[in-house]
Amino acid sequence: MDYRGTGRSTLLECVAAQATTSGSPEGKEFDPSEVPACAQDLENEYGDLASFSVTSAATDLVTFISKYTNGANTIVYGASYGTFFVERVMHLSPPEVTGG
């Protein structure tokens, strides 16, 4: 499963800031000075960027679990960034998720 804004999901690219191209002052690295132009470009393209937050991604997973597990107990696991993601899922308190 790709989080919103990554992989085969709606990939967030900062074309106006050239943050994902060789036109960036830092090459493929993201320079903090590019953030305002990037945010504006993304807001113009997608509207409210809160839709790409960890809470939105966790809500997507909770909805998936609720819809497709037939009420079975579910344990979620994450490593690295996934630990933050799993913590947010647990904060949403879905009844099917019994551990993380």
Protein backbone atom coordinates (compact mmCIF):
# COMPACT_ATOMS: atom_id res chain seq x y z
CA MET A 1 0.00 0.00 0.00
CA ASP A 2 1.41 3.39 -0.98
CA TYR A 3 0.73 6.36 1.27
CA ARG A 4 -1.01 9.26 -0.43
CA GLY A 5 1.58 11.29 -2.29
CA THR A 6 4.07 8.44 -2.79
CA GLY A 7 4.75 5.55 -5.15
CA ARG A 8 1.86 4.67 -7.46
CA SER A 9 -0.47 6.85 -5.42
CA THR A 10 -0.79 10.52 -6.41
CA LEU A 11 2.93 11.34 -6.38
CA LEU A 12 3.60 14.79 -5.00
CA GLU A 13 6.12 16.54 -7.23
CA CYS A 14 7.29 20.10 -6.77
CA VAL A 15 7.70 21.08 -10.41
CA ALA A 16 7.51 24.84 -9.78
CA ALA A 17 10.27 24.63 -7.19
CA GLN A 18 12.23 22.16 -9.35
CA ALA A 19 12.82 20.24 -6.13
CA THR A 20 12.65 16.86 -7.85
CA THR A 21 14.67 17.83 -10.91
CA SER A 22 18.28 18.69 -11.64
CA GLY A 23 17.17 22.36 -11.83
CA SER A 24 17.12 22.57 -8.04
CA PRO A 25 20.06 24.41 -6.43
CA GLU A 26 20.68 21.26 -4.39
CA GLY A 27 20.17 18.82 -7.28
CA LYS A 28 17.98 15.92 -6.16
CA GLU A 29 18.22 17.08 -2.53
CA PHE A 30 15.50 19.34 -1.16
CA ASP A 31 16.66 22.82 -0.20
CA PRO A 32 14.59 24.52 2.56
CA SER A 33 14.37 27.68 0.43
CA GLU A 34 12.23 25.70 -2.04
CA VAL A 35 9.47 24.93 0.49
CA PRO A 36 7.25 28.00 -0.11
CA ALA A 37 7.19 27.58 -3.90
CA CYS A 38 6.69 23.84 -3.54
CA ALA A 39 3.79 24.25 -1.11
CA GLN A 40 2.13 26.82 -3.35
CA ASP A 41 2.53 24.58 -6.41
CA LEU A 42 1.02 21.61 -4.57
CA GLU A 43 -1.87 23.66 -3.15
CA ASN A 44 -2.63 24.96 -6.66
CA GLU A 45 -2.68 21.38 -7.95
CA TYR A 46 -4.46 19.55 -5.09
CA GLY A 47 -6.08 22.13 -2.80
CA ASP A 48 -5.86 21.47 0.93
CA LEU A 49 -2.65 19.55 1.57
CA ALA A 50 -4.07 18.11 4.81
CA SER A 51 -5.38 15.31 2.59
CA PHE A 52 -1.77 14.10 2.40
CA SER A 53 -1.15 14.02 6.17
CA VAL A 54 -0.28 11.00 8.28
CA THR A 55 -3.78 11.25 9.79
CA SER A 56 -5.37 10.98 6.35
CA ALA A 57 -3.17 7.99 5.52
CA ALA A 58 -4.03 6.32 8.83
CA THR A 59 -7.73 6.96 8.20
CA ASP A 60 -7.33 5.25 4.81
CA LEU A 61 -5.88 2.16 6.50
CA VAL A 62 -8.53 2.12 9.24
CA THR A 63 -11.25 2.33 6.57
CA PHE A 64 -9.63 -0.54 4.65
CA ILE A 65 -9.36 -2.70 7.79
CA SER A 66 -12.96 -1.98 8.81
CA LYS A 67 -14.28 -2.73 5.34
CA TYR A 68 -12.30 -5.86 4.46
CA THR A 69 -11.46 -7.80 7.64
CA ASN A 70 -15.02 -8.81 8.53
CA GLY A 71 -14.44 -7.69 12.11
CA ALA A 72 -11.41 -9.95 12.63
CA ASN A 73 -8.83 -8.84 15.16
CA THR A 74 -6.00 -7.10 13.33
CA ILE A 75 -2.47 -6.25 14.45
CA VAL A 76 -0.67 -3.49 12.57
CA TYR A 77 3.12 -3.27 12.36
CA GLY A 78 5.43 -0.56 11.13
CA ALA A 79 9.15 0.13 11.09
CA SER A 80 10.92 3.47 10.72
CA TYR A 81 8.26 5.97 9.49
CA GLY A 82 5.76 3.14 9.88
CA THR A 83 5.99 3.38 13.68
CA PHE A 84 4.60 6.93 13.49
CA PHE A 85 1.94 5.72 11.05
CA VAL A 86 0.92 2.79 13.30
CA GLU A 87 0.78 5.10 16.31
CA ARG A 88 -1.68 7.33 14.43
CA VAL A 89 -3.78 4.29 13.48
CA MET A 90 -3.90 3.30 17.16
CA HIS A 91 -4.98 6.85 18.14
CA LEU A 92 -7.98 6.47 15.82
CA SER A 93 -9.04 3.47 17.98
CA PRO A 94 -10.56 1.21 15.31
CA PRO A 95 -12.26 -1.71 17.10
CA GLU A 96 -10.71 -4.32 14.76
CA VAL A 97 -7.14 -3.22 15.56
CA THR A 98 -6.20 -5.03 18.74
CA GLY A 99 -2.48 -4.33 18.73
CA GLY A 100 0.30 -2.42 17.10
